[in-house]
Protein backbone atom coordinates (compact mmCIF):
# COMPACT_ATOMS: atom_id res chain seq x y z
CA MET A 1 30.51 155.75 111.83
CA GLN A 2 29.44 156.67 115.42
CA ALA A 3 25.85 155.87 115.95
CA ASP A 4 23.08 154.98 118.44
CA PHE A 5 22.19 151.47 118.31
CA TYR A 6 19.11 149.81 119.98
CA ARG A 7 19.56 151.93 123.08
CA GLY A 8 23.38 151.15 122.88
CA LYS A 9 26.19 152.47 121.10
CA LEU A 10 27.51 151.32 117.50
CA ALA A 11 30.99 152.20 116.19
CA ALA A 12 32.11 151.00 112.81
CA ASP A 13 34.82 151.24 109.87
CA MET A 14 33.77 150.18 106.64
CA TYR A 15 35.08 149.73 102.95
CA PHE A 16 33.21 149.20 100.05
CA ASP A 17 34.73 148.62 96.35
CA CYS A 18 31.77 149.91 93.97
CA THR A 19 33.55 149.82 90.98
CA VAL A 20 31.34 146.72 89.99
CA PRO A 21 27.37 147.91 90.16
CA ARG A 22 25.47 145.69 92.34
CA GLN A 23 28.50 143.32 93.65
CA SER A 24 30.55 145.40 95.93
CA ASP A 25 33.49 143.82 97.69
CA PHE A 26 33.65 145.41 101.31
CA ASN A 27 35.11 144.78 104.90
CA LEU A 28 34.19 146.34 107.76
CA ARG A 29 34.98 146.34 111.87
CA ALA A 30 32.00 147.15 113.92
CA ARG A 31 31.75 147.29 117.95
CA VAL A 32 28.40 147.43 119.70
CA THR A 33 28.07 148.34 123.02
CA ASP A 34 25.06 147.50 125.71
CA ALA A 35 22.24 147.15 123.08
CA ASP A 36 18.81 145.94 124.03
CA LEU A 37 18.72 142.53 122.46
CA HIS A 38 14.74 142.34 122.41
CA GLN A 39 14.61 145.51 120.37
CA LEU A 40 17.49 144.14 118.15
CA MET A 41 15.45 140.75 117.48
CA THR A 42 12.30 142.55 116.92
CA ASP A 43 13.64 143.96 113.52
CA LEU A 44 15.81 141.06 112.66
CA SER A 45 13.30 138.07 113.54
CA SER A 46 9.90 138.85 115.21
CA PRO A 47 8.13 141.82 116.73
CA THR A 48 6.61 139.44 119.52
CA ASN A 49 9.74 137.78 120.79
CA ARG A 50 10.30 137.37 124.41
CA LEU A 51 13.99 137.67 124.27
CA GLU A 52 16.13 139.91 126.94
CA GLY A 53 19.03 141.07 127.64
CA ILE A 54 22.06 143.72 127.39
CA LEU A 55 24.25 142.70 124.33
CA SER A 56 27.85 143.77 123.15
CA GLY A 57 30.31 142.53 120.99
CA ASP A 58 32.97 143.03 118.28
CA LEU A 59 32.35 142.03 114.59
CA THR A 60 35.41 141.89 111.67
CA ILE A 61 34.38 141.12 108.27
CA THR A 62 37.70 140.58 106.39
CA LYS A 63 36.07 139.83 102.94
CA ALA A 64 32.46 139.86 101.24
CA ASN A 65 30.71 140.61 98.38
CA THR A 66 27.24 142.32 98.67
CA GLY A 67 25.88 140.20 95.59
CA ASP A 68 26.65 136.84 97.39
CA TRP A 69 25.41 135.79 100.61
CA GLU A 70 27.66 132.87 100.71
CA SER A 71 30.95 134.97 100.79
CA TRP A 72 31.15 136.47 104.25
CA ASN A 73 34.28 135.54 106.15
CA GLY A 74 35.68 137.08 109.43
CA PHE A 75 35.57 136.76 113.30
CA GLY A 76 34.12 138.16 116.04
CA HIS A 77 33.23 138.00 119.78
CA ALA A 78 29.89 138.50 122.08
CA ARG A 79 28.58 138.77 125.35
CA LEU A 80 25.45 139.05 126.92
CA ARG A 81 24.09 139.97 130.49
CA ASP A 82 20.99 139.69 132.51
CA GLY A 83 18.98 137.82 129.57
CA PHE A 84 16.33 135.73 128.76
CA LEU A 85 17.03 133.41 126.11
CA TRP A 86 14.70 130.49 126.72
CA ASP A 87 12.15 131.61 124.31
CA MET A 88 14.41 130.70 121.59
CA PRO A 89 14.27 126.78 121.03
CA LEU A 90 17.93 126.22 120.21
CA PHE A 91 18.65 127.59 124.00
CA GLY A 92 15.36 126.33 125.50
CA ILE A 93 15.92 122.39 124.99
CA PHE A 94 16.21 121.47 128.25
CA SER A 95 13.82 124.07 129.99
CA SER A 96 10.84 121.79 130.04
CA ALA A 97 12.84 118.99 131.56
CA LEU A 98 13.87 121.09 134.48
CA ASN A 99 10.69 123.00 134.82
CA ALA A 100 9.12 119.35 135.48
CA VAL A 101 11.49 119.00 138.20
CA MET A 102 10.66 122.39 139.76
CA PRO A 103 8.45 124.77 138.18
CA GLY A 104 10.35 127.77 137.05
CA LEU A 105 13.71 126.11 137.07
CA GLY A 106 14.16 125.98 133.58
CA ASN A 107 13.16 129.68 132.94
CA SER A 108 15.61 131.28 135.38
CA ARG A 109 17.16 134.41 133.68
CA VAL A 110 20.88 134.32 132.20
CA SER A 111 23.16 136.00 134.23
CA GLY A 112 25.76 135.95 131.19
CA GLY A 113 26.92 134.66 128.13
CA SER A 114 29.74 134.85 125.92
CA ALA A 115 31.07 133.15 122.63
CA THR A 116 33.86 133.79 119.87
CA PHE A 117 33.46 132.78 116.43
CA THR A 118 34.49 132.77 113.11
CA LEU A 119 32.94 133.45 109.98
CA ILE A 120 33.91 131.16 106.62
CA ASN A 121 31.72 131.53 103.68
CA SER A 122 28.91 132.92 105.82
CA VAL A 123 28.86 129.72 107.93
CA ILE A 124 28.97 130.61 111.89
CA HIS A 125 31.54 128.53 113.86
CA THR A 126 31.95 128.64 117.53
CA ASP A 127 33.89 126.19 119.98
CA ASP A 128 33.25 127.91 123.38
CA MET A 129 29.71 129.36 123.42
CA GLU A 130 28.70 129.36 127.02
CA ILE A 131 25.34 130.45 128.60
CA ARG A 132 25.25 130.88 132.36
CA SER A 133 22.08 130.70 134.60
CA PRO A 134 21.35 129.65 138.19
CA ALA A 135 19.83 126.51 136.85
CA MET A 136 22.09 125.42 134.27
CA ARG A 137 25.23 126.18 132.14
CA LEU A 138 25.22 125.21 128.46
CA VAL A 139 28.13 124.70 126.26
CA TYR A 140 27.60 124.77 122.53
CA ARG A 141 30.34 123.76 119.95
CA GLY A 142 29.41 123.74 116.39
CA ALA A 143 28.10 125.98 113.16
CA ILE A 144 25.10 127.84 112.39
CA ASP A 145 24.54 129.21 108.58
CA PHE A 146 22.59 132.55 107.29
CA GLN A 147 19.53 130.35 106.73
CA GLY A 148 19.51 129.12 110.20
CA ARG A 149 20.66 125.84 109.87
CA VAL A 150 22.33 124.33 112.92
CA ASP A 151 24.85 121.04 113.40
CA ALA A 152 26.20 121.62 116.49
CA ARG A 153 26.70 119.76 120.18
CA VAL A 154 25.31 121.19 123.55
CA GLU A 155 26.32 119.97 126.79
CA ALA A 156 24.13 121.11 130.01
CA ARG A 157 25.70 121.30 133.35
CA LEU A 158 22.91 121.22 136.09
CA LEU A 159 22.84 123.90 138.81
CA ARG A 160 26.42 124.42 138.09
CA ASP A 161 25.80 128.29 139.03
CA ALA A 162 23.29 127.82 141.75
CA TRP A 163 24.08 129.70 144.94
CA VAL A 164 25.74 128.19 147.51
CA ILE A 165 25.07 124.44 146.29
CA GLY A 166 26.39 124.88 142.92
CA PRO A 167 29.74 123.48 143.49
CA LEU A 168 28.93 120.43 145.29
CA VAL A 169 26.07 119.67 142.74
CA SER A 170 28.28 120.04 139.94
CA LEU A 171 31.04 117.96 141.68
CA VAL A 172 28.35 115.26 142.38
CA LEU A 173 26.98 115.27 138.97
CA SER A 174 30.36 115.21 137.44
CA PRO A 175 30.61 111.37 136.45
CA LEU A 176 27.23 112.03 134.61
CA THR A 177 28.21 114.89 132.45
CA LYS A 178 28.24 112.82 129.50
CA LEU A 179 24.44 111.93 129.94
CA PHE A 180 23.29 115.46 129.34
CA GLU A 181 25.48 115.92 125.67
CA TYR A 182 23.42 116.19 123.02
CA LYS A 183 23.89 116.39 119.20
CA VAL A 184 21.45 119.32 117.64
CA THR A 185 20.92 119.53 114.26
CA GLY A 186 17.62 120.90 112.30
CA THR A 187 17.07 124.78 112.23
CA LEU A 188 17.48 127.74 114.76
CA HIS A 189 13.70 127.89 115.24
CA GLU A 190 13.13 124.13 115.02
CA PRO A 191 15.91 122.52 116.60
CA GLN A 192 16.59 118.51 116.55
CA LYS A 193 18.28 116.98 119.58
CA GLU A 194 19.76 113.55 119.97
CA PRO A 195 21.62 112.15 123.18
CA LEU A 196 25.46 111.16 122.25
CA TYR A 197 26.19 108.74 124.78
CA ILE A 198 22.91 107.10 126.14
CA PRO A 199 20.14 105.14 124.51
CA LYS A 200 16.97 106.61 123.79
CA PRO A 201 14.56 104.70 126.14
CA LEU A 202 16.94 105.98 129.13
CA THR A 203 15.95 109.63 128.44
CA PHE A 204 12.45 109.47 129.49
CA PRO A 205 13.21 111.57 132.56
CA LEU A 206 14.07 114.39 130.00
CA HIS A 207 10.91 114.08 128.59
CA PRO A 208 8.76 112.05 130.88
CA PHE A 209 5.15 112.31 129.53
CA ARG A 210 6.15 111.87 125.77
CA SER A 211 8.46 108.92 126.68
CA LEU A 212 5.61 107.15 129.07
CA ARG A 213 3.47 107.27 125.88
CA GLU A 214 5.96 105.88 123.80
CA LEU A 215 7.07 103.09 126.21
CA PHE A 216 3.49 101.85 127.10
CA SER A 217 1.79 102.33 123.75
CA GLU A 218 1.10 99.25 121.67
CA GLU A 219 -0.08 98.75 118.41
CA LYS A 220 -3.73 97.28 118.09
CA PRO A 221 -3.32 93.89 116.36
CA ASN A 222 -5.11 93.58 112.96
CA THR A 223 -8.75 91.84 113.22
CA PRO A 224 -8.95 89.13 111.08
CA PRO A 225 -11.57 89.31 108.44
CA PRO A 226 -15.08 87.45 109.56
CA THR A 227 -15.14 83.84 108.36
CA GLU A 228 -17.95 83.63 105.47
CA LYS A 229 -20.41 80.96 106.58
CA PRO A 230 -21.04 78.35 103.94
CA PRO A 231 -24.55 78.91 102.22
CA PRO A 232 -27.30 76.60 103.66
CA ARG A 233 -28.09 73.24 101.77
């Protein structure tokens, strides 16, 4: 098959064994070139999404069955350029902290991104997903299933690709790299992050207003009930 695909191109080879009704075994090889991420996610997720970028990649499904969503197995590779991903909560977990330092820093455009992945029983695994922007470089290792459940680690390398000063800042901050490594669970749209190497009270610079409320708020002591006066004699 050769087709237009969201302003890009799709080339695919597909095989379906239709001898069993409603439960066809299949495999496929597909290549997408220069597809519009926003238009693709409009159909897959939400018509109001703010995601942007030019997406290319390869997908090979070695074994799957149309009657079982947990039967997909295969591998692939994806690349993104000139994008905006921070509107997706999984990728925007550090944006608010960077914007508190300098407005707009956490929402800079993505210059590039890439990942290789394997697909085992409909769970996508990657060890080298990387998203690059002038403000930070995010490196993901982990898994996500077809229901959007996430189990991953993410490392943020702040200002790694900033023009001129990036390599110097990266060198200065290299001893602190582990401070920006988090475990991410939850779902694609409601991720839960937890620092791996620093106690939670020390993470208030990453979410200052919430942390200050937690550190300085105190529970009001319970007011003892009024003492009953004895009846007059």
